[in-house]
């Protein structure tokens, strides 16, 4: 089923001026789902899932947070934190006049979804959380992202050189996830260092007490044998959140290369979150 796709933008006021954020809408209607990308990745990573959700009647929005994709990339580390990213998602809801949405994301996007539930719980219909990064991922996160911060700060030519090598490659001639990898390599050293620095030294996610206060339906998807996103973190989150369900992916790559099973689970979950609203619409109430 083909669905409509529309690109939009909105602006945030900052001390240094206005920051521009870009998003894509898939489908239409008032059964909203917002999807947030992983760290340094573009919103396009969620295109396959967004299309699958929209084909079932959901209205999906994917957004590039500041420092990512086609949104502005300020070089100030103070512009970046999980809380700031959560505020950007709430600003997107305000811009599109969305009263409530199922909020979801991968890795960074998973943690941002938790931030939104903490910041604006009444705006969240449900949470679709893949690969949250919590207590068990701290050491692996340091090992993974400290070299990126070092390279961007002290060897900026490596980041620029990689960008110059990968940017000319036409995305239409390579497999989808290769294209996403190439897009992720399209970084600027100043803003990349700012993003990693801001996240590195800020809080990773709402604390355990705040997570236990989340009452909306929550689907948590964990990956086996993933050192940066331990399945233990996903299982812990599912235990903490009262109305959570835990689903284990069959591999780290399942949702990327064989997405049918997890797409069905995600679609079913999002539709259940909106079941009451759908019934009211059909009955004309």
C-alpha atoms as a PDB file:
ATOM      1  CA  UNK A   1       0.000   0.000   0.000  1.00  0.00           C
ATOM      2  CA  UNK A   2       1.394   3.381  -1.016  1.00  0.00           C
ATOM      3  CA  UNK A   3       1.262   6.173   1.565  1.00  0.00           C
ATOM      4  CA  UNK A   4       1.824   9.890   1.199  1.00  0.00           C
ATOM      5  CA  UNK A   5       5.145  11.310   2.363  1.00  0.00           C
ATOM      6  CA  UNK A   6       5.738  14.981   3.134  1.00  0.00           C
ATOM      7  CA  UNK A   7       8.826  16.837   4.368  1.00  0.00           C
ATOM      8  CA  UNK A   8       8.419  19.696   6.828  1.00  0.00           C
ATOM      9  CA  UNK A   9      10.438  21.901   9.125  1.00  0.00           C
ATOM     10  CA  UNK A  10      10.071  23.921  12.299  1.00  0.00           C
ATOM     11  CA  UNK A  11      12.262  26.235  14.328  1.00  0.00           C
ATOM     12  CA  UNK A  12      13.436  26.443  17.921  1.00  0.00           C
ATOM     13  CA  UNK A  13      14.502  29.684  19.508  1.00  0.00           C
ATOM     14  CA  UNK A  14      17.984  29.528  21.047  1.00  0.00           C
ATOM     15  CA  UNK A  15      20.350  32.083  22.596  1.00  0.00           C
ATOM     16  CA  UNK A  16      22.397  32.069  19.397  1.00  0.00           C
ATOM     17  CA  UNK A  17      19.335  32.446  17.164  1.00  0.00           C
ATOM     18  CA  UNK A  18      16.881  30.037  15.609  1.00  0.00           C
ATOM     19  CA  UNK A  19      17.654  26.364  15.057  1.00  0.00           C
ATOM     20  CA  UNK A  20      15.911  24.547  12.216  1.00  0.00           C
ATOM     21  CA  UNK A  21      14.697  20.943  12.508  1.00  0.00           C
ATOM     22  CA  UNK A  22      13.409  18.840   9.623  1.00  0.00           C
ATOM     23  CA  UNK A  23      10.926  15.963   9.687  1.00  0.00           C
ATOM     24  CA  UNK A  24       9.002  13.648   7.367  1.00  0.00           C
ATOM     25  CA  UNK A  25       5.333  12.696   7.677  1.00  0.00           C
ATOM     26  CA  UNK A  26       3.996   9.385   6.418  1.00  0.00           C
ATOM     27  CA  UNK A  27       0.269   8.814   5.996  1.00  0.00           C
ATOM     28  CA  UNK A  28      -2.463  10.903   7.580  1.00  0.00           C
ATOM     29  CA  UNK A  29      -5.095  10.921  10.311  1.00  0.00           C
ATOM     30  CA  UNK A  30      -4.936  11.422  14.059  1.00  0.00           C
ATOM     31  CA  UNK A  31      -3.404   8.102  15.157  1.00  0.00           C
ATOM     32  CA  UNK A  32       0.081   9.531  15.579  1.00  0.00           C
ATOM     33  CA  UNK A  33       3.442   7.791  15.937  1.00  0.00           C
ATOM     34  CA  UNK A  34       6.739   9.690  16.260  1.00  0.00           C
ATOM     35  CA  UNK A  35      10.014   7.834  15.587  1.00  0.00           C
ATOM     36  CA  UNK A  36      13.455   9.051  16.672  1.00  0.00           C
ATOM     37  CA  UNK A  37      16.749   7.882  15.127  1.00  0.00           C
ATOM     38  CA  UNK A  38      19.927   6.546  16.717  1.00  0.00           C
ATOM     39  CA  UNK A  39      22.967   8.636  17.653  1.00  0.00           C
ATOM     40  CA  UNK A  40      24.574  10.412  14.656  1.00  0.00           C
ATOM     41  CA  UNK A  41      22.142   8.646  12.309  1.00  0.00           C
ATOM     42  CA  UNK A  42      19.548  10.315  10.053  1.00  0.00           C
ATOM     43  CA  UNK A  43      15.792  10.061  10.419  1.00  0.00           C
ATOM     44  CA  UNK A  44      15.714   8.113   7.151  1.00  0.00           C
ATOM     45  CA  UNK A  45      16.801   5.026   9.120  1.00  0.00           C
ATOM     46  CA  UNK A  46      13.157   4.677  10.212  1.00  0.00           C
ATOM     47  CA  UNK A  47      11.702   4.977   6.713  1.00  0.00           C
ATOM     48  CA  UNK A  48      10.914   1.231   6.340  1.00  0.00           C
ATOM     49  CA  UNK A  49       9.158   1.040   9.716  1.00  0.00           C
ATOM     50  CA  UNK A  50       7.372   4.353   9.140  1.00  0.00           C
ATOM     51  CA  UNK A  51       5.995   3.077   5.838  1.00  0.00           C
ATOM     52  CA  UNK A  52       4.891  -0.187   7.445  1.00  0.00           C
ATOM     53  CA  UNK A  53       3.067   1.684  10.221  1.00  0.00           C
ATOM     54  CA  UNK A  54       1.501   4.210   7.847  1.00  0.00           C
ATOM     55  CA  UNK A  55       0.244   1.451   5.552  1.00  0.00           C
ATOM     56  CA  UNK A  56      -1.912   0.262   8.481  1.00  0.00           C
ATOM     57  CA  UNK A  57      -3.555   3.663   8.948  1.00  0.00           C
ATOM     58  CA  UNK A  58      -1.161   5.301  11.392  1.00  0.00           C
ATOM     59  CA  UNK A  59       0.171   8.846  10.893  1.00  0.00           C
ATOM     60  CA  UNK A  60       3.932   8.625  11.371  1.00  0.00           C
ATOM     61  CA  UNK A  61       6.529  11.372  11.807  1.00  0.00           C
ATOM     62  CA  UNK A  62      10.286  10.858  11.732  1.00  0.00           C
ATOM     63  CA  UNK A  63      12.457  13.742  12.887  1.00  0.00           C
ATOM     64  CA  UNK A  64      16.119  14.728  12.681  1.00  0.00           C
ATOM     65  CA  UNK A  65      17.126  15.992  16.114  1.00  0.00           C
ATOM     66  CA  UNK A  66      19.580  18.884  16.277  1.00  0.00           C
ATOM     67  CA  UNK A  67      23.041  17.785  15.160  1.00  0.00           C
ATOM     68  CA  UNK A  68      21.628  15.034  12.969  1.00  0.00           C
ATOM     69  CA  UNK A  69      20.559  14.512   9.387  1.00  0.00           C
ATOM     70  CA  UNK A  70      19.187  17.598   7.674  1.00  0.00           C
ATOM     71  CA  UNK A  71      18.539  19.587  10.836  1.00  0.00           C
ATOM     72  CA  UNK A  72      20.851  22.365  11.990  1.00  0.00           C
ATOM     73  CA  UNK A  73      24.099  21.340  13.647  1.00  0.00           C
ATOM     74  CA  UNK A  74      25.219  23.917  16.210  1.00  0.00           C
ATOM     75  CA  UNK A  75      28.764  23.457  17.489  1.00  0.00           C
ATOM     76  CA  UNK A  76      27.871  24.229  21.123  1.00  0.00           C
ATOM     77  CA  UNK A  77      27.862  21.160  23.449  1.00  0.00           C
ATOM     78  CA  UNK A  78      25.265  22.923  25.618  1.00  0.00           C
ATOM     79  CA  UNK A  79      22.775  22.469  22.768  1.00  0.00           C
ATOM     80  CA  UNK A  80      22.846  18.702  23.216  1.00  0.00           C
ATOM     81  CA  UNK A  81      21.474  16.520  25.985  1.00  0.00           C
ATOM     82  CA  UNK A  82      18.862  13.809  26.340  1.00  0.00           C
ATOM     83  CA  UNK A  83      16.581  16.319  28.027  1.00  0.00           C
ATOM     84  CA  UNK A  84      17.086  18.851  25.219  1.00  0.00           C
ATOM     85  CA  UNK A  85      16.305  16.153  22.648  1.00  0.00           C
ATOM     86  CA  UNK A  86      13.148  15.260  24.563  1.00  0.00           C
ATOM     87  CA  UNK A  87      12.139  18.923  24.511  1.00  0.00           C
ATOM     88  CA  UNK A  88      12.672  18.969  20.740  1.00  0.00           C
ATOM     89  CA  UNK A  89      10.228  16.085  20.319  1.00  0.00           C
ATOM     90  CA  UNK A  90       7.667  17.906  22.476  1.00  0.00           C
ATOM     91  CA  UNK A  91       8.228  21.014  20.313  1.00  0.00           C
ATOM     92  CA  UNK A  92       7.526  18.853  17.245  1.00  0.00           C
ATOM     93  CA  UNK A  93       4.247  17.711  18.834  1.00  0.00           C
ATOM     94  CA  UNK A  94       3.360  21.347  19.468  1.00  0.00           C
ATOM     95  CA  UNK A  95       4.280  22.381  15.923  1.00  0.00           C
ATOM     96  CA  UNK A  96       2.086  19.687  14.364  1.00  0.00           C
ATOM     97  CA  UNK A  97      -0.647  20.204  16.989  1.00  0.00           C
ATOM     98  CA  UNK A  98      -0.451  16.574  18.083  1.00  0.00           C
ATOM     99  CA  UNK A  99      -2.294  16.079  21.393  1.00  0.00           C
ATOM    100  CA  UNK A 100      -0.845  12.592  21.928  1.00  0.00           C
ATOM    101  CA  UNK A 101       1.430  10.199  20.068  1.00  0.00           C
ATOM    102  CA  UNK A 102       3.078   6.846  20.420  1.00  0.00           C
ATOM    103  CA  UNK A 103       6.721   7.844  20.829  1.00  0.00           C
ATOM    104  CA  UNK A 104       9.454   5.466  19.770  1.00  0.00           C
ATOM    105  CA  UNK A 105      13.040   5.191  18.750  1.00  0.00           C
ATOM    106  CA  UNK A 106      16.241   3.221  18.520  1.00  0.00           C
ATOM    107  CA  UNK A 107      19.230   3.539  20.875  1.00  0.00           C
ATOM    108  CA  UNK A 108      19.505   7.312  21.358  1.00  0.00           C
ATOM    109  CA  UNK A 109      15.913   7.530  20.135  1.00  0.00           C
ATOM    110  CA  UNK A 110      14.818   4.986  22.745  1.00  0.00           C
ATOM    111  CA  UNK A 111      16.284   7.091  25.542  1.00  0.00           C
ATOM    112  CA  UNK A 112      14.798  10.269  24.071  1.00  0.00           C
ATOM    113  CA  UNK A 113      11.397   8.556  24.081  1.00  0.00           C
ATOM    114  CA  UNK A 114      11.807   7.911  27.806  1.00  0.00           C
ATOM    115  CA  UNK A 115      12.695  11.587  28.279  1.00  0.00           C
ATOM    116  CA  UNK A 116       9.484  12.622  26.513  1.00  0.00           C
ATOM    117  CA  UNK A 117       7.471  10.340  28.796  1.00  0.00           C
ATOM    118  CA  UNK A 118       9.149  12.007  31.780  1.00  0.00           C
ATOM    119  CA  UNK A 119       8.814  15.580  30.476  1.00  0.00           C
ATOM    120  CA  UNK A 120       5.293  15.426  29.055  1.00  0.00           C
ATOM    121  CA  UNK A 121       3.553  12.227  30.162  1.00  0.00           C
ATOM    122  CA  UNK A 122       0.111  13.403  29.035  1.00  0.00           C
ATOM    123  CA  UNK A 123       1.385  13.734  25.455  1.00  0.00           C
ATOM    124  CA  UNK A 124       2.494  10.081  25.273  1.00  0.00           C
ATOM    125  CA  UNK A 125       0.033   7.395  24.180  1.00  0.00           C
ATOM    126  CA  UNK A 126       2.597   4.608  24.302  1.00  0.00           C
ATOM    127  CA  UNK A 127       6.325   3.931  24.000  1.00  0.00           C
ATOM    128  CA  UNK A 128       8.047   1.827  21.333  1.00  0.00           C
ATOM    129  CA  UNK A 129      11.593   1.411  22.634  1.00  0.00           C
ATOM    130  CA  UNK A 130      14.346  -0.467  20.787  1.00  0.00           C
ATOM    131  CA  UNK A 131      17.805  -0.937  22.316  1.00  0.00           C
ATOM    132  CA  UNK A 132      17.636   1.449  25.304  1.00  0.00           C
ATOM    133  CA  UNK A 133      21.010   2.472  26.711  1.00  0.00           C
ATOM    134  CA  UNK A 134      20.901   2.292  30.509  1.00  0.00           C
ATOM    135  CA  UNK A 135      23.050   1.148  33.442  1.00  0.00           C
ATOM    136  CA  UNK A 136      24.578  -1.924  31.818  1.00  0.00           C
ATOM    137  CA  UNK A 137      25.835  -0.023  28.763  1.00  0.00           C
ATOM    138  CA  UNK A 138      27.976   2.641  30.436  1.00  0.00           C
ATOM    139  CA  UNK A 139      31.394   1.044  29.907  1.00  0.00           C
ATOM    140  CA  UNK A 140      30.640  -0.048  26.333  1.00  0.00           C
ATOM    141  CA  UNK A 141      29.303   3.420  25.547  1.00  0.00           C
ATOM    142  CA  UNK A 142      32.525   5.009  26.755  1.00  0.00           C
ATOM    143  CA  UNK A 143      34.609   2.639  24.626  1.00  0.00           C
ATOM    144  CA  UNK A 144      32.432   3.274  21.567  1.00  0.00           C
ATOM    145  CA  UNK A 145      32.064   7.044  21.697  1.00  0.00           C
ATOM    146  CA  UNK A 146      35.212   8.309  23.407  1.00  0.00           C
ATOM    147  CA  UNK A 147      37.256   7.643  20.227  1.00  0.00           C
ATOM    148  CA  UNK A 148      34.680   9.592  18.194  1.00  0.00           C
ATOM    149  CA  UNK A 149      34.997  12.555  20.540  1.00  0.00           C
ATOM    150  CA  UNK A 150      38.793  12.350  20.424  1.00  0.00           C
ATOM    151  CA  UNK A 151      38.859  12.180  16.623  1.00  0.00           C
ATOM    152  CA  UNK A 152      36.423  15.065  16.198  1.00  0.00           C
ATOM    153  CA  UNK A 153      38.295  17.287  18.687  1.00  0.00           C
ATOM    154  CA  UNK A 154      41.927  16.494  17.946  1.00  0.00           C
ATOM    155  CA  UNK A 155      41.932  14.846  14.516  1.00  0.00           C
ATOM    156  CA  UNK A 156      39.138  16.723  12.719  1.00  0.00           C
ATOM    157  CA  UNK A 157      40.648  15.943   9.318  1.00  0.00           C
ATOM    158  CA  UNK A 158      39.659  12.287   9.825  1.00  0.00           C
ATOM    159  CA  UNK A 159      35.979  13.229  10.161  1.00  0.00           C
ATOM    160  CA  UNK A 160      36.147  15.671   7.263  1.00  0.00           C
ATOM    161  CA  UNK A 161      38.057  13.206   5.109  1.00  0.00           C
ATOM    162  CA  UNK A 162      35.517  10.451   5.697  1.00  0.00           C
ATOM    163  CA  UNK A 163      32.741  12.858   4.790  1.00  0.00           C
ATOM    164  CA  UNK A 164      34.475  13.864   1.569  1.00  0.00           C
ATOM    165  CA  UNK A 165      34.959  10.214   0.619  1.00  0.00           C
ATOM    166  CA  UNK A 166      31.426   9.028   1.336  1.00  0.00           C
ATOM    167  CA  UNK A 167      29.240  12.000   0.424  1.00  0.00           C
ATOM    168  CA  UNK A 168      29.608  11.731  -3.395  1.00  0.00           C
ATOM    169  CA  UNK A 169      28.394   8.111  -3.446  1.00  0.00           C
ATOM    170  CA  UNK A 170      24.835   8.083  -4.881  1.00  0.00           C
ATOM    171  CA  UNK A 171      22.485   6.705  -2.260  1.00  0.00           C
ATOM    172  CA  UNK A 172      20.146   5.312  -4.894  1.00  0.00           C
ATOM    173  CA  UNK A 173      22.680   2.797  -6.208  1.00  0.00           C
ATOM    174  CA  UNK A 174      23.585   1.157  -2.896  1.00  0.00           C
ATOM    175  CA  UNK A 175      21.451  -1.018  -0.584  1.00  0.00           C
ATOM    176  CA  UNK A 176      19.269   0.948   1.830  1.00  0.00           C
ATOM    177  CA  UNK A 177      21.278   0.269   4.991  1.00  0.00           C
ATOM    178  CA  UNK A 178      24.562   0.948   3.211  1.00  0.00           C
ATOM    179  CA  UNK A 179      23.082   4.330   2.336  1.00  0.00           C
ATOM    180  CA  UNK A 180      22.170   4.906   5.978  1.00  0.00           C
ATOM    181  CA  UNK A 181      25.762   4.089   6.926  1.00  0.00           C
ATOM    182  CA  UNK A 182      27.023   6.576   4.346  1.00  0.00           C
ATOM    183  CA  UNK A 183      24.629   9.221   5.680  1.00  0.00           C
ATOM    184  CA  UNK A 184      25.918   8.563   9.193  1.00  0.00           C
ATOM    185  CA  UNK A 185      29.457   9.249   7.946  1.00  0.00           C
ATOM    186  CA  UNK A 186      28.329  12.685   6.718  1.00  0.00           C
ATOM    187  CA  UNK A 187      29.504  14.526   9.834  1.00  0.00           C
ATOM    188  CA  UNK A 188      31.157  17.850  10.570  1.00  0.00           C
ATOM    189  CA  UNK A 189      33.845  17.619  13.262  1.00  0.00           C
ATOM    190  CA  UNK A 190      32.679  20.629  15.300  1.00  0.00           C
ATOM    191  CA  UNK A 191      29.047  19.575  15.585  1.00  0.00           C
ATOM    192  CA  UNK A 192      29.908  15.879  15.959  1.00  0.00           C
ATOM    193  CA  UNK A 193      32.217  16.679  18.869  1.00  0.00           C
ATOM    194  CA  UNK A 194      29.508  18.859  20.408  1.00  0.00           C
ATOM    195  CA  UNK A 195      26.861  16.128  20.136  1.00  0.00           C
ATOM    196  CA  UNK A 196      29.068  13.424  21.645  1.00  0.00           C
ATOM    197  CA  UNK A 197      30.390  15.781  24.351  1.00  0.00           C
ATOM    198  CA  UNK A 198      26.902  16.929  25.318  1.00  0.00           C
ATOM    199  CA  UNK A 199      25.605  13.372  25.624  1.00  0.00           C
ATOM    200  CA  UNK A 200      28.800  11.995  27.160  1.00  0.00           C
ATOM    201  CA  UNK A 201      28.638  14.277  30.179  1.00  0.00           C
ATOM    202  CA  UNK A 202      24.866  14.501  30.638  1.00  0.00           C
ATOM    203  CA  UNK A 203      22.358  12.076  32.058  1.00  0.00           C
ATOM    204  CA  UNK A 204      21.837   9.000  29.942  1.00  0.00           C
ATOM    205  CA  UNK A 205      18.115   8.579  30.649  1.00  0.00           C
ATOM    206  CA  UNK A 206      15.510   9.264  33.325  1.00  0.00           C
ATOM    207  CA  UNK A 207      16.403   7.491  36.549  1.00  0.00           C
ATOM    208  CA  UNK A 208      14.908   4.220  37.713  1.00  0.00           C
ATOM    209  CA  UNK A 209      12.301   5.930  39.911  1.00  0.00           C
ATOM    210  CA  UNK A 210      11.171   8.063  36.989  1.00  0.00           C
ATOM    211  CA  UNK A 211      11.041   5.058  34.686  1.00  0.00           C
ATOM    212  CA  UNK A 212       8.887   3.192  37.202  1.00  0.00           C
ATOM    213  CA  UNK A 213       6.429   6.096  37.090  1.00  0.00           C
ATOM    214  CA  UNK A 214       5.786   5.620  33.361  1.00  0.00           C
ATOM    215  CA  UNK A 215       2.302   4.099  33.111  1.00  0.00           C
ATOM    216  CA  UNK A 216       1.593   4.053  29.356  1.00  0.00           C
ATOM    217  CA  UNK A 217       1.788   0.809  27.345  1.00  0.00           C
ATOM    218  CA  UNK A 218       5.424   0.191  26.458  1.00  0.00           C
ATOM    219  CA  UNK A 219       7.003  -2.232  24.009  1.00  0.00           C
ATOM    220  CA  UNK A 220      10.689  -2.855  24.722  1.00  0.00           C
ATOM    221  CA  UNK A 221      12.791  -4.619  22.098  1.00  0.00           C
ATOM    222  CA  UNK A 222      16.212  -5.921  23.090  1.00  0.00           C
ATOM    223  CA  UNK A 223      19.010  -7.457  21.044  1.00  0.00           C
ATOM    224  CA  UNK A 224      21.097 -10.459  22.062  1.00  0.00           C
ATOM    225  CA  UNK A 225      24.890 -10.198  21.956  1.00  0.00           C
ATOM    226  CA  UNK A 226      24.911  -6.411  21.546  1.00  0.00           C
ATOM    227  CA  UNK A 227      27.609  -4.908  23.812  1.00  0.00           C
ATOM    228  CA  UNK A 228      26.563  -1.269  23.322  1.00  0.00           C
ATOM    229  CA  UNK A 229      22.864  -2.001  23.808  1.00  0.00           C
ATOM    230  CA  UNK A 230      22.802  -4.930  26.243  1.00  0.00           C
ATOM    231  CA  UNK A 231      19.619  -6.985  26.283  1.00  0.00           C
ATOM    232  CA  UNK A 232      19.904  -6.711  30.076  1.00  0.00           C
ATOM    233  CA  UNK A 233      19.096  -3.001  29.830  1.00  0.00           C
ATOM    234  CA  UNK A 234      16.005  -3.696  27.742  1.00  0.00           C
ATOM    235  CA  UNK A 235      14.874  -6.444  30.119  1.00  0.00           C
ATOM    236  CA  UNK A 236      15.490  -4.182  33.130  1.00  0.00           C
ATOM    237  CA  UNK A 237      13.405  -1.413  31.576  1.00  0.00           C
ATOM    238  CA  UNK A 238      10.594  -3.862  30.846  1.00  0.00           C
ATOM    239  CA  UNK A 239      10.660  -4.941  34.497  1.00  0.00           C
ATOM    240  CA  UNK A 240      10.617  -1.338  35.729  1.00  0.00           C
ATOM    241  CA  UNK A 241       7.785   0.027  33.595  1.00  0.00           C
ATOM    242  CA  UNK A 242       4.453  -1.337  34.897  1.00  0.00           C
ATOM    243  CA  UNK A 243       2.733  -1.815  31.517  1.00  0.00           C
ATOM    244  CA  UNK A 244       5.741  -2.960  29.502  1.00  0.00           C
ATOM    245  CA  UNK A 245       6.199  -5.968  27.254  1.00  0.00           C
ATOM    246  CA  UNK A 246       9.655  -7.281  26.386  1.00  0.00           C
ATOM    247  CA  UNK A 247      10.428  -8.774  22.972  1.00  0.00           C
ATOM    248  CA  UNK A 248      13.823 -10.239  22.104  1.00  0.00           C
ATOM    249  CA  UNK A 249      15.078  -9.783  18.570  1.00  0.00           C
ATOM    250  CA  UNK A 250      16.583 -12.900  17.033  1.00  0.00           C
ATOM    251  CA  UNK A 251      19.794 -11.027  16.246  1.00  0.00           C
ATOM    252  CA  UNK A 252      21.248  -7.524  16.218  1.00  0.00           C
ATOM    253  CA  UNK A 253      20.395  -7.228  12.531  1.00  0.00           C
ATOM    254  CA  UNK A 254      16.928  -8.784  12.473  1.00  0.00           C
ATOM    255  CA  UNK A 255      14.993  -5.507  12.255  1.00  0.00           C
ATOM    256  CA  UNK A 256      17.400  -4.253   9.598  1.00  0.00           C
ATOM    257  CA  UNK A 257      17.613  -7.205   7.213  1.00  0.00           C
ATOM    258  CA  UNK A 258      14.508  -9.313   7.985  1.00  0.00           C
ATOM    259  CA  UNK A 259      12.053  -6.829   9.513  1.00  0.00           C
ATOM    260  CA  UNK A 260       8.743  -8.602   8.891  1.00  0.00           C
ATOM    261  CA  UNK A 261       8.279 -10.171  12.358  1.00  0.00           C
ATOM    262  CA  UNK A 262       9.253  -7.103  14.370  1.00  0.00           C
ATOM    263  CA  UNK A 263       7.316  -4.811  12.022  1.00  0.00           C
ATOM    264  CA  UNK A 264       4.190  -6.867  12.701  1.00  0.00           C
ATOM    265  CA  UNK A 265       4.787  -6.661  16.439  1.00  0.00           C
ATOM    266  CA  UNK A 266       5.371  -2.891  16.283  1.00  0.00           C
ATOM    267  CA  UNK A 267       2.299  -2.290  14.100  1.00  0.00           C
ATOM    268  CA  UNK A 268       0.115  -4.411  16.373  1.00  0.00           C
ATOM    269  CA  UNK A 269       1.393  -2.588  19.452  1.00  0.00           C
ATOM    270  CA  UNK A 270       0.818   0.898  17.987  1.00  0.00           C
ATOM    271  CA  UNK A 271      -2.694  -0.030  16.843  1.00  0.00           C
ATOM    272  CA  UNK A 272      -3.518  -1.367  20.313  1.00  0.00           C
ATOM    273  CA  UNK A 273      -2.339   1.896  21.846  1.00  0.00           C
ATOM    274  CA  UNK A 274      -4.890   3.669  19.661  1.00  0.00           C
ATOM    275  CA  UNK A 275      -7.627   1.000  19.824  1.00  0.00           C
ATOM    276  CA  UNK A 276     -10.072   3.075  21.888  1.00  0.00           C
ATOM    277  CA  UNK A 277      -9.656   6.083  19.624  1.00  0.00           C
ATOM    278  CA  UNK A 278     -10.134   3.937  16.507  1.00  0.00           C
ATOM    279  CA  UNK A 279     -13.355   2.477  17.903  1.00  0.00           C
ATOM    280  CA  UNK A 280     -14.686   5.967  18.650  1.00  0.00           C
ATOM    281  CA  UNK A 281     -13.913   7.089  15.109  1.00  0.00           C
ATOM    282  CA  UNK A 282     -15.684   4.094  13.567  1.00  0.00           C
ATOM    283  CA  UNK A 283     -18.751   4.581  15.769  1.00  0.00           C
ATOM    284  CA  UNK A 284     -18.877   8.311  14.995  1.00  0.00           C
ATOM    285  CA  UNK A 285     -18.618   9.204  18.679  1.00  0.00           C
END
